[in-house]
Amino acid sequence: MICDKEGLIGRHMFAIDGCKVLSNAGKEWSGTFDELERKQAKLNRASLY
């Protein structure tokens, strides 16, 4: 998020000085922004109880 706000991500390639960065993004947390916003709203509603 910070790199994106600073304009460091061009949406084509992402590299940091040859460092290997592990990814653990599960399929359930991927999707479009609209889908993720709906999931976030659902979690927020569930946390109110």
PDB file of N, CA and C in Angstrom:
ATOM      1  N   MET A   1       0.823  -1.192   0.000  1.00  0.00           N
ATOM      2  CA  MET A   1       0.000   0.000   0.000  1.00  0.00           C
ATOM      3  C   MET A   1       0.868   1.257   0.000  1.00  0.00           C
ATOM      4  N   ILE A   2       1.884   1.279   0.821  1.00  0.00           N
ATOM      5  CA  ILE A   2       2.742   2.461   0.883  1.00  0.00           C
ATOM      6  C   ILE A   2       3.465   2.657  -0.439  1.00  0.00           C
ATOM      7  N   CYS A   3       4.001   1.573  -0.996  1.00  0.00           N
ATOM      8  CA  CYS A   3       4.702   1.678  -2.276  1.00  0.00           C
ATOM      9  C   CYS A   3       3.767   2.176  -3.370  1.00  0.00           C
ATOM     10  N   ASP A   4       2.521   1.725  -3.356  1.00  0.00           N
ATOM     11  CA  ASP A   4       1.556   2.164  -4.358  1.00  0.00           C
ATOM     12  C   ASP A   4       1.263   3.651  -4.199  1.00  0.00           C
ATOM     13  N   LYS A   5       1.066   4.106  -2.971  1.00  0.00           N
ATOM     14  CA  LYS A   5       0.794   5.528  -2.731  1.00  0.00           C
ATOM     15  C   LYS A   5       1.962   6.410  -3.153  1.00  0.00           C
ATOM     16  N   GLU A   6       3.177   5.895  -3.028  1.00  0.00           N
ATOM     17  CA  GLU A   6       4.368   6.651  -3.398  1.00  0.00           C
ATOM     18  C   GLU A   6       4.672   6.566  -4.893  1.00  0.00           C
ATOM     19  N   GLY A   7       3.840   5.813  -5.632  1.00  0.00           N
ATOM     20  CA  GLY A   7       4.016   5.695  -7.067  1.00  0.00           C
ATOM     21  C   GLY A   7       5.160   4.760  -7.462  1.00  0.00           C
ATOM     22  N   LEU A   8       5.550   3.861  -6.568  1.00  0.00           N
ATOM     23  CA  LEU A   8       6.663   2.961  -6.846  1.00  0.00           C
ATOM     24  C   LEU A   8       6.235   1.686  -7.554  1.00  0.00           C
ATOM     25  N   ILE A   9       4.950   1.456  -7.671  1.00  0.00           N
ATOM     26  CA  ILE A   9       4.453   0.252  -8.329  1.00  0.00           C
ATOM     27  C   ILE A   9       3.788   0.654  -9.632  1.00  0.00           C
ATOM     28  N   GLY A  10       4.298   0.111 -10.732  1.00  0.00           N
ATOM     29  CA  GLY A  10       3.774   0.465 -12.044  1.00  0.00           C
ATOM     30  C   GLY A  10       2.793  -0.545 -12.598  1.00  0.00           C
ATOM     31  N   ARG A  11       2.418  -1.521 -11.799  1.00  0.00           N
ATOM     32  CA  ARG A  11       1.438  -2.535 -12.178  1.00  0.00           C
ATOM     33  C   ARG A  11       1.976  -3.529 -13.217  1.00  0.00           C
ATOM     34  N   HIS A  12       3.279  -3.439 -13.569  1.00  0.00           N
ATOM     35  CA  HIS A  12       3.853  -4.365 -14.537  1.00  0.00           C
ATOM     36  C   HIS A  12       4.878  -5.285 -13.890  1.00  0.00           C
ATOM     37  N   MET A  13       5.701  -4.744 -13.002  1.00  0.00           N
ATOM     38  CA  MET A  13       6.727  -5.532 -12.350  1.00  0.00           C
ATOM     39  C   MET A  13       7.013  -4.906 -10.987  1.00  0.00           C
ATOM     40  N   PHE A  14       7.337  -5.755 -10.018  1.00  0.00           N
ATOM     41  CA  PHE A  14       7.650  -5.270  -8.680  1.00  0.00           C
ATOM     42  C   PHE A  14       8.897  -5.992  -8.200  1.00  0.00           C
ATOM     43  N   ALA A  15       9.963  -5.257  -7.904  1.00  0.00           N
ATOM     44  CA  ALA A  15      11.202  -5.864  -7.415  1.00  0.00           C
ATOM     45  C   ALA A  15      11.843  -4.923  -6.401  1.00  0.00           C
ATOM     46  N   ILE A  16      12.476  -5.513  -5.402  1.00  0.00           N
ATOM     47  CA  ILE A  16      13.180  -4.716  -4.392  1.00  0.00           C
ATOM     48  C   ILE A  16      14.614  -5.241  -4.313  1.00  0.00           C
ATOM     49  N   ASP A  17      15.523  -4.613  -4.998  1.00  0.00           N
ATOM     50  CA  ASP A  17      16.954  -4.930  -4.931  1.00  0.00           C
ATOM     51  C   ASP A  17      17.274  -6.420  -4.888  1.00  0.00           C
ATOM     52  N   GLY A  18      16.587  -7.216  -5.635  1.00  0.00           N
ATOM     53  CA  GLY A  18      16.885  -8.638  -5.689  1.00  0.00           C
ATOM     54  C   GLY A  18      16.412  -9.441  -4.499  1.00  0.00           C
ATOM     55  N   CYS A  19      15.727  -8.802  -3.564  1.00  0.00           N
ATOM     56  CA  CYS A  19      15.220  -9.525  -2.393  1.00  0.00           C
ATOM     57  C   CYS A  19      14.054 -10.417  -2.809  1.00  0.00           C
ATOM     58  N   LYS A  20      14.007 -11.581  -2.233  1.00  0.00           N
ATOM     59  CA  LYS A  20      12.874 -12.468  -2.484  1.00  0.00           C
ATOM     60  C   LYS A  20      11.835 -12.228  -1.398  1.00  0.00           C
ATOM     61  N   VAL A  21      10.629 -11.976  -1.805  1.00  0.00           N
ATOM     62  CA  VAL A  21       9.543 -11.707  -0.877  1.00  0.00           C
ATOM     63  C   VAL A  21       8.534 -12.846  -0.983  1.00  0.00           C
ATOM     64  N   LEU A  22       8.299 -13.531   0.117  1.00  0.00           N
ATOM     65  CA  LEU A  22       7.344 -14.626   0.115  1.00  0.00           C
ATOM     66  C   LEU A  22       5.917 -14.097   0.037  1.00  0.00           C
ATOM     67  N   SER A  23       5.083 -14.854  -0.586  1.00  0.00           N
ATOM     68  CA  SER A  23       3.679 -14.490  -0.694  1.00  0.00           C
ATOM     69  C   SER A  23       2.842 -15.556  -0.004  1.00  0.00           C
ATOM     70  N   ASN A  24       1.877 -15.137   0.767  1.00  0.00           N
ATOM     71  CA  ASN A  24       0.985 -16.088   1.414  1.00  0.00           C
ATOM     72  C   ASN A  24      -0.472 -15.706   1.203  1.00  0.00           C
ATOM     73  N   ALA A  25      -0.746 -15.031   0.096  1.00  0.00           N
ATOM     74  CA  ALA A  25      -2.105 -14.594  -0.192  1.00  0.00           C
ATOM     75  C   ALA A  25      -2.964 -15.797  -0.566  1.00  0.00           C
ATOM     76  N   GLY A  26      -3.976 -16.037   0.221  1.00  0.00           N
ATOM     77  CA  GLY A  26      -4.887 -17.130  -0.065  1.00  0.00           C
ATOM     78  C   GLY A  26      -5.914 -16.730  -1.103  1.00  0.00           C
ATOM     79  N   LYS A  27      -6.475 -17.705  -1.767  1.00  0.00           N
ATOM     80  CA  LYS A  27      -7.463 -17.440  -2.817  1.00  0.00           C
ATOM     81  C   LYS A  27      -8.673 -16.697  -2.263  1.00  0.00           C
ATOM     82  N   GLU A  28      -9.025 -16.972  -0.999  1.00  0.00           N
ATOM     83  CA  GLU A  28     -10.202 -16.316  -0.422  1.00  0.00           C
ATOM     84  C   GLU A  28     -10.006 -14.806  -0.248  1.00  0.00           C
ATOM     85  N   TRP A  29      -8.774 -14.331  -0.205  1.00  0.00           N
ATOM     86  CA  TRP A  29      -8.510 -12.904  -0.015  1.00  0.00           C
ATOM     87  C   TRP A  29      -8.092 -12.215  -1.299  1.00  0.00           C
ATOM     88  N   SER A  30      -8.234 -12.879  -2.434  1.00  0.00           N
ATOM     89  CA  SER A  30      -7.957 -12.227  -3.705  1.00  0.00           C
ATOM     90  C   SER A  30      -9.284 -11.879  -4.359  1.00  0.00           C
ATOM     91  N   GLY A  31      -9.251 -11.015  -5.321  1.00  0.00           N
ATOM     92  CA  GLY A  31     -10.468 -10.622  -6.022  1.00  0.00           C
ATOM     93  C   GLY A  31     -10.418  -9.164  -6.414  1.00  0.00           C
ATOM     94  N   THR A  32     -11.523  -8.668  -6.912  1.00  0.00           N
ATOM     95  CA  THR A  32     -11.593  -7.261  -7.309  1.00  0.00           C
ATOM     96  C   THR A  32     -11.761  -6.390  -6.071  1.00  0.00           C
ATOM     97  N   PHE A  33     -11.529  -5.101  -6.234  1.00  0.00           N
ATOM     98  CA  PHE A  33     -11.701  -4.180  -5.116  1.00  0.00           C
ATOM     99  C   PHE A  33     -13.135  -4.214  -4.592  1.00  0.00           C
ATOM    100  N   ASP A  34     -14.109  -4.322  -5.498  1.00  0.00           N
ATOM    101  CA  ASP A  34     -15.514  -4.376  -5.077  1.00  0.00           C
ATOM    102  C   ASP A  34     -15.771  -5.602  -4.203  1.00  0.00           C
ATOM    103  N   GLU A  35     -15.233  -6.745  -4.611  1.00  0.00           N
ATOM    104  CA  GLU A  35     -15.422  -7.972  -3.831  1.00  0.00           C
ATOM    105  C   GLU A  35     -14.767  -7.856  -2.464  1.00  0.00           C
ATOM    106  N   LEU A  36     -13.556  -7.288  -2.432  1.00  0.00           N
ATOM    107  CA  LEU A  36     -12.852  -7.132  -1.158  1.00  0.00           C
ATOM    108  C   LEU A  36     -13.570  -6.140  -0.237  1.00  0.00           C
ATOM    109  N   GLU A  37     -14.147  -5.082  -0.820  1.00  0.00           N
ATOM    110  CA  GLU A  37     -14.911  -4.130  -0.013  1.00  0.00           C
ATOM    111  C   GLU A  37     -16.146  -4.788   0.591  1.00  0.00           C
ATOM    112  N   ARG A  38     -16.809  -5.662  -0.177  1.00  0.00           N
ATOM    113  CA  ARG A  38     -17.979  -6.383   0.352  1.00  0.00           C
ATOM    114  C   ARG A  38     -17.562  -7.316   1.483  1.00  0.00           C
ATOM    115  N   LYS A  39     -16.431  -8.003   1.319  1.00  0.00           N
ATOM    116  CA  LYS A  39     -15.935  -8.882   2.384  1.00  0.00           C
ATOM    117  C   LYS A  39     -15.597  -8.077   3.634  1.00  0.00           C
ATOM    118  N   GLN A  40     -14.971  -6.909   3.435  1.00  0.00           N
ATOM    119  CA  GLN A  40     -14.621  -6.064   4.572  1.00  0.00           C
ATOM    120  C   GLN A  40     -15.877  -5.587   5.301  1.00  0.00           C
ATOM    121  N   ALA A  41     -16.885  -5.173   4.556  1.00  0.00           N
ATOM    122  CA  ALA A  41     -18.136  -4.718   5.169  1.00  0.00           C
ATOM    123  C   ALA A  41     -18.789  -5.858   5.954  1.00  0.00           C
ATOM    124  N   LYS A  42     -18.753  -7.056   5.395  1.00  0.00           N
ATOM    125  CA  LYS A  42     -19.331  -8.219   6.082  1.00  0.00           C
ATOM    126  C   LYS A  42     -18.590  -8.491   7.394  1.00  0.00           C
ATOM    127  N   LEU A  43     -17.259  -8.440   7.353  1.00  0.00           N
ATOM    128  CA  LEU A  43     -16.461  -8.655   8.567  1.00  0.00           C
ATOM    129  C   LEU A  43     -16.711  -7.549   9.596  1.00  0.00           C
ATOM    130  N   ASN A  44     -16.851  -6.318   9.135  1.00  0.00           N
ATOM    131  CA  ASN A  44     -17.141  -5.209  10.058  1.00  0.00           C
ATOM    132  C   ASN A  44     -18.486  -5.396  10.737  1.00  0.00           C
ATOM    133  N   ARG A  45     -19.499  -5.823   9.960  1.00  0.00           N
ATOM    134  CA  ARG A  45     -20.821  -6.066  10.545  1.00  0.00           C
ATOM    135  C   ARG A  45     -20.753  -7.183  11.568  1.00  0.00           C
ATOM    136  N   ALA A  46     -20.008  -8.246  11.260  1.00  0.00           N
ATOM    137  CA  ALA A  46     -19.892  -9.393  12.167  1.00  0.00           C
ATOM    138  C   ALA A  46     -19.150  -9.025  13.440  1.00  0.00           C
ATOM    139  N   SER A  47     -18.233  -8.079  13.368  1.00  0.00           N
ATOM    140  CA  SER A  47     -17.449  -7.709  14.547  1.00  0.00           C
ATOM    141  C   SER A  47     -18.226  -6.818  15.508  1.00  0.00           C
ATOM    142  N   LEU A  48     -19.362  -6.319  15.092  1.00  0.00           N
ATOM    143  CA  LEU A  48     -20.167  -5.451  15.958  1.00  0.00           C
ATOM    144  C   LEU A  48     -20.923  -6.242  17.007  1.00  0.00           C
ATOM    145  N   TYR A  49     -21.052  -7.553  16.818  1.00  0.00           N
ATOM    146  CA  TYR A  49     -21.843  -8.372  17.733  1.00  0.00           C
ATOM    147  C   TYR A  49     -20.995  -9.082  18.737  1.00  0.00           C
TER     148      TYR A  49
END
